[in-house]
PDB file of N, CA and C in Angstrom:
ATOM      1  N   UNK A   1       0.928  -1.206  -0.161  1.00  0.00           N
ATOM      2  CA  UNK A   1      -0.049  -0.179   0.234  1.00  0.00           C
ATOM      3  C   UNK A   1       0.768   0.959  -0.066  1.00  0.00           C
ATOM      4  N   UNK A   2       0.693   2.424  -0.880  1.00  0.00           N
ATOM      5  CA  UNK A   2       1.317   3.274  -1.240  1.00  0.00           C
ATOM      6  C   UNK A   2       0.674   4.499  -0.058  1.00  0.00           C
ATOM      7  N   UNK A   3       1.620   5.343   0.481  1.00  0.00           N
ATOM      8  CA  UNK A   3       1.125   6.241   1.690  1.00  0.00           C
ATOM      9  C   UNK A   3       0.563   7.642   0.499  1.00  0.00           C
ATOM     10  N   UNK A   4      -0.201   8.071   0.790  1.00  0.00           N
ATOM     11  CA  UNK A   4      -0.977   9.612   0.044  1.00  0.00           C
ATOM     12  C   UNK A   4      -0.090  10.616   0.647  1.00  0.00           C
ATOM     13  N   UNK A   5       0.265  11.665  -0.438  1.00  0.00           N
ATOM     14  CA  UNK A   5       0.957  12.690  -0.181  1.00  0.00           C
ATOM     15  C   UNK A   5      -0.148  13.816   0.475  1.00  0.00           C
ATOM     16  N   UNK A   6      -1.285  13.459  -0.086  1.00  0.00           N
ATOM     17  CA  UNK A   6      -2.145  14.632   0.375  1.00  0.00           C
ATOM     18  C   UNK A   6      -3.272  14.252   1.523  1.00  0.00           C
ATOM     19  N   UNK A   7      -3.588  15.321   2.047  1.00  0.00           N
ATOM     20  CA  UNK A   7      -4.592  14.863   3.066  1.00  0.00           C
ATOM     21  C   UNK A   7      -5.867  14.775   2.607  1.00  0.00           C
ATOM     22  N   UNK A   8      -6.764  13.853   2.997  1.00  0.00           N
ATOM     23  CA  UNK A   8      -8.090  13.014   2.436  1.00  0.00           C
ATOM     24  C   UNK A   8      -9.068  14.357   2.092  1.00  0.00           C
ATOM     25  N   UNK A   9      -8.948  15.506   2.604  1.00  0.00           N
ATOM     26  CA  UNK A   9      -9.576  16.811   2.463  1.00  0.00           C
ATOM     27  C   UNK A   9      -9.165  17.188   1.013  1.00  0.00           C
ATOM     28  N   UNK A  10      -7.962  17.235   0.814  1.00  0.00           N
ATOM     29  CA  UNK A  10      -7.402  17.619  -0.346  1.00  0.00           C
ATOM     30  C   UNK A  10      -7.464  16.581  -1.660  1.00  0.00           C
ATOM     31  N   UNK A  11      -7.720  15.432  -1.521  1.00  0.00           N
ATOM     32  CA  UNK A  11      -7.702  14.578  -2.513  1.00  0.00           C
ATOM     33  C   UNK A  11      -9.037  14.838  -3.496  1.00  0.00           C
ATOM     34  N   UNK A  12     -10.425  14.719  -3.297  1.00  0.00           N
ATOM     35  CA  UNK A  12     -11.169  15.129  -4.179  1.00  0.00           C
ATOM     36  C   UNK A  12     -11.079  16.486  -4.936  1.00  0.00           C
ATOM     37  N   UNK A  13     -10.315  17.344  -4.632  1.00  0.00           N
ATOM     38  CA  UNK A  13     -10.121  18.635  -5.531  1.00  0.00           C
ATOM     39  C   UNK A  13      -8.843  18.219  -6.169  1.00  0.00           C
ATOM     40  N   UNK A  14      -7.977  17.563  -5.951  1.00  0.00           N
ATOM     41  CA  UNK A  14      -6.837  16.830  -6.892  1.00  0.00           C
ATOM     42  C   UNK A  14      -7.258  16.181  -7.917  1.00  0.00           C
ATOM     43  N   UNK A  15      -7.933  15.185  -7.306  1.00  0.00           N
ATOM     44  CA  UNK A  15      -8.474  14.131  -8.150  1.00  0.00           C
ATOM     45  C   UNK A  15      -9.574  14.769  -9.624  1.00  0.00           C
ATOM     46  N   UNK A  16     -10.276  15.580  -9.251  1.00  0.00           N
ATOM     47  CA  UNK A  16     -11.002  16.625 -10.037  1.00  0.00           C
ATOM     48  C   UNK A  16     -10.248  17.375 -10.941  1.00  0.00           C
ATOM     49  N   UNK A  17      -8.800  17.982 -10.328  1.00  0.00           N
ATOM     50  CA  UNK A  17      -8.002  18.734 -11.128  1.00  0.00           C
ATOM     51  C   UNK A  17      -7.358  17.946 -12.231  1.00  0.00           C
ATOM     52  N   UNK A  18      -7.050  16.666 -11.927  1.00  0.00           N
ATOM     53  CA  UNK A  18      -6.429  15.805 -12.901  1.00  0.00           C
ATOM     54  C   UNK A  18      -7.467  15.604 -13.984  1.00  0.00           C
ATOM     55  N   UNK A  19      -8.620  14.989 -13.440  1.00  0.00           N
ATOM     56  CA  UNK A  19      -9.614  14.903 -14.562  1.00  0.00           C
ATOM     57  C   UNK A  19      -9.644  15.578 -15.511  1.00  0.00           C
ATOM     58  N   UNK A  20      -9.913  17.079 -15.048  1.00  0.00           N
ATOM     59  CA  UNK A  20      -9.744  18.012 -15.895  1.00  0.00           C
ATOM     60  C   UNK A  20      -8.729  18.295 -16.886  1.00  0.00           C
ATOM     61  N   UNK A  21      -7.494  18.159 -16.033  1.00  0.00           N
ATOM     62  CA  UNK A  21      -6.202  18.184 -17.105  1.00  0.00           C
ATOM     63  C   UNK A  21      -6.134  16.941 -18.039  1.00  0.00           C
ATOM     64  N   UNK A  22      -6.486  16.144 -17.893  1.00  0.00           N
ATOM     65  CA  UNK A  22      -6.654  15.031 -18.872  1.00  0.00           C
ATOM     66  C   UNK A  22      -7.963  15.076 -19.893  1.00  0.00           C
ATOM     67  N   UNK A  23      -8.838  15.647 -19.414  1.00  0.00           N
ATOM     68  CA  UNK A  23      -9.935  15.918 -20.533  1.00  0.00           C
ATOM     69  C   UNK A  23      -9.090  17.426 -21.398  1.00  0.00           C
ATOM     70  N   UNK A  24      -8.586  18.223 -20.764  1.00  0.00           N
ATOM     71  CA  UNK A  24      -7.914  19.188 -21.649  1.00  0.00           C
ATOM     72  C   UNK A  24      -7.123  18.630 -22.553  1.00  0.00           C
ATOM     73  N   UNK A  25      -6.428  17.746 -22.290  1.00  0.00           N
ATOM     74  CA  UNK A  25      -5.311  16.979 -23.286  1.00  0.00           C
ATOM     75  C   UNK A  25      -5.892  16.481 -24.458  1.00  0.00           C
ATOM     76  N   UNK A  26      -7.307  15.815 -23.861  1.00  0.00           N
ATOM     77  CA  UNK A  26      -7.796  15.068 -25.001  1.00  0.00           C
ATOM     78  C   UNK A  26      -8.648  15.995 -25.995  1.00  0.00           C
ATOM     79  N   UNK A  27      -9.129  17.112 -25.527  1.00  0.00           N
ATOM     80  CA  UNK A  27     -10.022  18.066 -26.154  1.00  0.00           C
ATOM     81  C   UNK A  27      -9.135  18.837 -27.132  1.00  0.00           C
ATOM     82  N   UNK A  28      -8.004  18.904 -26.421  1.00  0.00           N
ATOM     83  CA  UNK A  28      -6.383  19.932 -27.235  1.00  0.00           C
ATOM     84  C   UNK A  28      -5.941  19.078 -28.341  1.00  0.00           C
ATOM     85  N   UNK A  29      -5.925  17.764 -28.619  1.00  0.00           N
ATOM     86  CA  UNK A  29      -5.147  16.999 -29.177  1.00  0.00           C
ATOM     87  C   UNK A  29      -3.814  16.794 -28.610  1.00  0.00           C
ATOM     88  N   UNK A  30      -3.453  17.020 -27.511  1.00  0.00           N
ATOM     89  CA  UNK A  30      -2.344  16.763 -26.920  1.00  0.00           C
ATOM     90  C   UNK A  30      -2.168  15.436 -25.546  1.00  0.00           C
ATOM     91  N   UNK A  31      -1.076  15.372 -25.703  1.00  0.00           N
ATOM     92  CA  UNK A  31      -0.588  14.428 -24.642  1.00  0.00           C
ATOM     93  C   UNK A  31       0.653  14.581 -23.530  1.00  0.00           C
ATOM     94  N   UNK A  32       0.450  14.090 -22.768  1.00  0.00           N
ATOM     95  CA  UNK A  32       1.606  13.830 -21.599  1.00  0.00           C
ATOM     96  C   UNK A  32       2.329  12.988 -21.671  1.00  0.00           C
ATOM     97  N   UNK A  33       3.586  13.115 -21.693  1.00  0.00           N
ATOM     98  CA  UNK A  33       4.563  11.845 -21.934  1.00  0.00           C
ATOM     99  C   UNK A  33       4.628  10.946 -20.828  1.00  0.00           C
ATOM    100  N   UNK A  34       4.644  11.466 -19.448  1.00  0.00           N
ATOM    101  CA  UNK A  34       4.401  10.607 -18.264  1.00  0.00           C
ATOM    102  C   UNK A  34       3.138   9.784 -18.561  1.00  0.00           C
ATOM    103  N   UNK A  35       1.999  10.520 -18.799  1.00  0.00           N
ATOM    104  CA  UNK A  35       0.939   9.655 -18.525  1.00  0.00           C
ATOM    105  C   UNK A  35       0.921   8.784 -20.053  1.00  0.00           C
ATOM    106  N   UNK A  36       1.730   8.874 -20.979  1.00  0.00           N
ATOM    107  CA  UNK A  36       1.750   7.734 -22.065  1.00  0.00           C
ATOM    108  C   UNK A  36       2.576   6.846 -21.638  1.00  0.00           C
ATOM    109  N   UNK A  37       3.635   7.308 -20.857  1.00  0.00           N
ATOM    110  CA  UNK A  37       4.533   6.024 -20.596  1.00  0.00           C
ATOM    111  C   UNK A  37       3.809   5.119 -19.431  1.00  0.00           C
ATOM    112  N   UNK A  38       3.024   5.541 -18.403  1.00  0.00           N
ATOM    113  CA  UNK A  38       2.384   5.147 -17.483  1.00  0.00           C
ATOM    114  C   UNK A  38       1.450   3.786 -18.270  1.00  0.00           C
ATOM    115  N   UNK A  39       0.761   4.404 -19.427  1.00  0.00           N
ATOM    116  CA  UNK A  39      -0.062   3.945 -19.736  1.00  0.00           C
ATOM    117  C   UNK A  39       0.479   2.674 -20.466  1.00  0.00           C
ATOM    118  N   UNK A  40       1.858   2.521 -20.951  1.00  0.00           N
ATOM    119  CA  UNK A  40       2.417   1.323 -21.581  1.00  0.00           C
ATOM    120  C   UNK A  40       2.782   0.550 -20.785  1.00  0.00           C
ATOM    121  N   UNK A  41       3.104   0.714 -19.636  1.00  0.00           N
ATOM    122  CA  UNK A  41       3.883   0.132 -18.506  1.00  0.00           C
ATOM    123  C   UNK A  41       3.571  -1.348 -18.329  1.00  0.00           C
ATOM    124  N   UNK A  42       2.264  -1.481 -18.475  1.00  0.00           N
ATOM    125  CA  UNK A  42       1.464  -2.801 -18.167  1.00  0.00           C
ATOM    126  C   UNK A  42       1.751  -3.450 -19.499  1.00  0.00           C
ATOM    127  N   UNK A  43       1.769  -3.009 -20.571  1.00  0.00           N
ATOM    128  CA  UNK A  43       1.909  -3.707 -21.839  1.00  0.00           C
ATOM    129  C   UNK A  43       3.280  -4.193 -22.170  1.00  0.00           C
ATOM    130  N   UNK A  44       4.411  -3.680 -21.591  1.00  0.00           N
ATOM    131  CA  UNK A  44       5.594  -3.719 -22.144  1.00  0.00           C
ATOM    132  C   UNK A  44       6.254  -4.832 -21.331  1.00  0.00           C
ATOM    133  N   UNK A  45       7.103  -5.553 -22.193  1.00  0.00           N
ATOM    134  CA  UNK A  45       7.786  -6.685 -21.760  1.00  0.00           C
ATOM    135  C   UNK A  45       9.185  -6.710 -22.291  1.00  0.00           C
ATOM    136  N   UNK A  46      10.108  -7.246 -21.382  1.00  0.00           N
ATOM    137  CA  UNK A  46      11.515  -7.181 -21.662  1.00  0.00           C
ATOM    138  C   UNK A  46      11.788  -8.161 -22.994  1.00  0.00           C
ATOM    139  N   UNK A  47      12.212  -6.791 -24.051  1.00  0.00           N
ATOM    140  CA  UNK A  47      12.713  -7.431 -25.655  1.00  0.00           C
ATOM    141  C   UNK A  47      13.847  -6.976 -25.759  1.00  0.00           C
ATOM    142  N   UNK A  48      14.803  -6.157 -25.370  1.00  0.00           N
ATOM    143  CA  UNK A  48      15.877  -5.557 -25.827  1.00  0.00           C
ATOM    144  C   UNK A  48      16.937  -6.131 -24.957  1.00  0.00           C
ATOM    145  N   UNK A  49      18.231  -6.175 -25.769  1.00  0.00           N
ATOM    146  CA  UNK A  49      19.688  -6.551 -24.796  1.00  0.00           C
ATOM    147  C   UNK A  49      20.056  -5.268 -24.441  1.00  0.00           C
ATOM    148  N   UNK A  50      19.887  -4.130 -25.326  1.00  0.00           N
ATOM    149  CA  UNK A  50      20.446  -2.927 -24.845  1.00  0.00           C
ATOM    150  C   UNK A  50      19.729  -2.009 -25.424  1.00  0.00           C
ATOM    151  N   UNK A  51      19.912  -0.736 -24.822  1.00  0.00           N
ATOM    152  CA  UNK A  51      19.332   0.572 -25.541  1.00  0.00           C
ATOM    153  C   UNK A  51      20.505   1.972 -25.123  1.00  0.00           C
ATOM    154  N   UNK A  52      20.359   2.794 -26.140  1.00  0.00           N
ATOM    155  CA  UNK A  52      21.508   3.831 -26.289  1.00  0.00           C
ATOM    156  C   UNK A  52      20.622   4.989 -26.062  1.00  0.00           C
ATOM    157  N   UNK A  53      20.612   5.708 -24.912  1.00  0.00           N
ATOM    158  CA  UNK A  53      20.007   7.105 -24.444  1.00  0.00           C
ATOM    159  C   UNK A  53      20.713   8.070 -24.539  1.00  0.00           C
ATOM    160  N   UNK A  54      20.896   8.958 -25.451  1.00  0.00           N
ATOM    161  CA  UNK A  54      21.385  10.498 -25.184  1.00  0.00           C
ATOM    162  C   UNK A  54      20.844  11.379 -24.091  1.00  0.00           C
ATOM    163  N   UNK A  55      21.189  11.979 -23.350  1.00  0.00           N
ATOM    164  CA  UNK A  55      20.620  13.002 -22.542  1.00  0.00           C
ATOM    165  C   UNK A  55      19.422  12.121 -21.577  1.00  0.00           C
ATOM    166  N   UNK A  56      20.043  11.184 -21.182  1.00  0.00           N
ATOM    167  CA  UNK A  56      19.358  10.652 -20.386  1.00  0.00           C
ATOM    168  C   UNK A  56      18.463  11.187 -18.943  1.00  0.00           C
ATOM    169  N   UNK A  57      19.533  12.259 -18.652  1.00  0.00           N
ATOM    170  CA  UNK A  57      18.959  13.156 -17.318  1.00  0.00           C
ATOM    171  C   UNK A  57      17.520  13.914 -17.879  1.00  0.00           C
ATOM    172  N   UNK A  58      17.328  13.683 -18.981  1.00  0.00           N
ATOM    173  CA  UNK A  58      15.933  14.619 -19.332  1.00  0.00           C
ATOM    174  C   UNK A  58      15.003  13.634 -19.322  1.00  0.00           C
ATOM    175  N   UNK A  59      14.982  12.402 -19.134  1.00  0.00           N
ATOM    176  CA  UNK A  59      13.711  11.600 -18.750  1.00  0.00           C
ATOM    177  C   UNK A  59      13.288  11.505 -17.059  1.00  0.00           C
ATOM    178  N   UNK A  60      11.941  11.375 -17.186  1.00  0.00           N
ATOM    179  CA  UNK A  60      11.324  11.537 -15.702  1.00  0.00           C
ATOM    180  C   UNK A  60      11.289  10.205 -15.287  1.00  0.00           C
ATOM    181  N   UNK A  61      11.424   9.967 -13.856  1.00  0.00           N
ATOM    182  CA  UNK A  61      11.605   8.762 -13.501  1.00  0.00           C
ATOM    183  C   UNK A  61      10.435   7.445 -14.068  1.00  0.00           C
ATOM    184  N   UNK A  62       9.270   7.953 -14.650  1.00  0.00           N
ATOM    185  CA  UNK A  62       8.346   6.868 -15.128  1.00  0.00           C
ATOM    186  C   UNK A  62       8.802   6.705 -16.717  1.00  0.00           C
ATOM    187  N   UNK A  63       9.271   7.659 -17.438  1.00  0.00           N
ATOM    188  CA  UNK A  63       9.964   7.170 -18.672  1.00  0.00           C
ATOM    189  C   UNK A  63      11.057   6.191 -18.555  1.00  0.00           C
ATOM    190  N   UNK A  64      11.914   6.576 -17.533  1.00  0.00           N
ATOM    191  CA  UNK A  64      13.183   5.896 -17.533  1.00  0.00           C
ATOM    192  C   UNK A  64      12.551   4.371 -16.769  1.00  0.00           C
ATOM    193  N   UNK A  65      11.841   4.171 -16.113  1.00  0.00           N
ATOM    194  CA  UNK A  65      11.310   3.184 -15.656  1.00  0.00           C
ATOM    195  C   UNK A  65      10.792   2.121 -16.814  1.00  0.00           C
ATOM    196  N   UNK A  66       9.954   2.722 -17.559  1.00  0.00           N
ATOM    197  CA  UNK A  66       9.542   1.855 -18.813  1.00  0.00           C
ATOM    198  C   UNK A  66      10.576   1.558 -19.880  1.00  0.00           C
ATOM    199  N   UNK A  67      11.752   2.444 -20.160  1.00  0.00           N
ATOM    200  CA  UNK A  67      12.841   2.025 -20.656  1.00  0.00           C
ATOM    201  C   UNK A  67      13.323   0.879 -20.396  1.00  0.00           C
ATOM    202  N   UNK A  68      13.819   0.735 -18.775  1.00  0.00           N
ATOM    203  CA  UNK A  68      14.172  -0.264 -17.942  1.00  0.00           C
ATOM    204  C   UNK A  68      13.441  -1.693 -17.998  1.00  0.00           C
ATOM    205  N   UNK A  69      12.167  -1.178 -18.377  1.00  0.00           N
ATOM    206  CA  UNK A  69      11.327  -2.592 -18.195  1.00  0.00           C
ATOM    207  C   UNK A  69      11.682  -3.242 -19.622  1.00  0.00           C
ATOM    208  N   UNK A  70      11.780  -2.508 -20.754  1.00  0.00           N
ATOM    209  CA  UNK A  70      11.753  -3.168 -21.766  1.00  0.00           C
ATOM    210  C   UNK A  70      13.340  -3.876 -22.156  1.00  0.00           C
ATOM    211  N   UNK A  71      14.168  -3.632 -21.151  1.00  0.00           N
ATOM    212  CA  UNK A  71      15.414  -4.457 -21.207  1.00  0.00           C
ATOM    213  C   UNK A  71      15.260  -5.880 -20.448  1.00  0.00           C
ATOM    214  N   UNK A  72      16.148  -6.806 -21.552  1.00  0.00           N
ATOM    215  CA  UNK A  72      15.882  -8.194 -20.771  1.00  0.00           C
ATOM    216  C   UNK A  72      16.867  -8.348 -19.594  1.00  0.00           C
ATOM    217  N   UNK A  73      17.795  -7.439 -19.422  1.00  0.00           N
ATOM    218  CA  UNK A  73      18.519  -7.403 -18.177  1.00  0.00           C
ATOM    219  C   UNK A  73      19.431  -6.160 -18.231  1.00  0.00           C
ATOM    220  N   UNK A  74      19.990  -5.721 -17.480  1.00  0.00           N
ATOM    221  CA  UNK A  74      20.224  -4.132 -17.529  1.00  0.00           C
ATOM    222  C   UNK A  74      21.460  -4.031 -16.513  1.00  0.00           C
ATOM    223  N   UNK A  75      22.450  -3.445 -17.159  1.00  0.00           N
ATOM    224  CA  UNK A  75      23.507  -2.755 -16.634  1.00  0.00           C
ATOM    225  C   UNK A  75      23.674  -1.506 -17.211  1.00  0.00           C
ATOM    226  N   UNK A  76      24.000  -0.316 -16.416  1.00  0.00           N
ATOM    227  CA  UNK A  76      23.949   0.933 -16.625  1.00  0.00           C
ATOM    228  C   UNK A  76      25.376   1.427 -17.082  1.00  0.00           C
ATOM    229  N   UNK A  77      25.997   1.599 -18.157  1.00  0.00           N
ATOM    230  CA  UNK A  77      27.316   2.601 -18.368  1.00  0.00           C
ATOM    231  C   UNK A  77      27.166   3.850 -19.062  1.00  0.00           C
ATOM    232  N   UNK A  78      28.166   4.487 -18.319  1.00  0.00           N
ATOM    233  CA  UNK A  78      27.673   5.995 -18.694  1.00  0.00           C
ATOM    234  C   UNK A  78      29.153   6.769 -19.045  1.00  0.00           C
ATOM    235  N   UNK A  79      29.069   7.685 -19.525  1.00  0.00           N
ATOM    236  CA  UNK A  79      30.500   8.475 -19.888  1.00  0.00           C
ATOM    237  C   UNK A  79      29.925   9.976 -20.354  1.00  0.00           C
ATOM    238  N   UNK A  80      30.813  11.183 -19.829  1.00  0.00           N
ATOM    239  CA  UNK A  80      30.595  12.128 -20.376  1.00  0.00           C
ATOM    240  C   UNK A  80      31.692  12.479 -21.112  1.00  0.00           C
ATOM    241  N   UNK A  81      31.571  12.778 -22.394  1.00  0.00           N
ATOM    242  CA  UNK A  81      32.420  12.944 -23.116  1.00  0.00           C
ATOM    243  C   UNK A  81      32.946  14.420 -23.743  1.00  0.00           C
ATOM    244  N   UNK A  82      31.865  15.232 -23.110  1.00  0.00           N
ATOM    245  CA  UNK A  82      32.064  16.697 -22.900  1.00  0.00           C
ATOM    246  C   UNK A  82      33.402  17.687 -22.737  1.00  0.00           C
ATOM    247  N   UNK A  83      34.126  16.657 -22.050  1.00  0.00           N
ATOM    248  CA  UNK A  83      35.355  17.252 -21.680  1.00  0.00           C
ATOM    249  C   UNK A  83      36.884  17.377 -22.632  1.00  0.00           C
TER     250      UNK A  83
END
């Protein structure tokens, strides 16, 4: 069970705001990359031996979790070649 960050009195307001945000995205023909990554999480299976990601620091935690879930196993190698 996950602890909620918000007090019970705040949750209904926050859930309503989130629903309005999702509806605004749909009405505007837009998408939120975090919501897309979360939606794909359940359907994703390990299938890749490796991936190469430039600027990985720009991924959000849910996006990185999705990438890692696609890997059969993972080891992380990094190198900053900008010096």
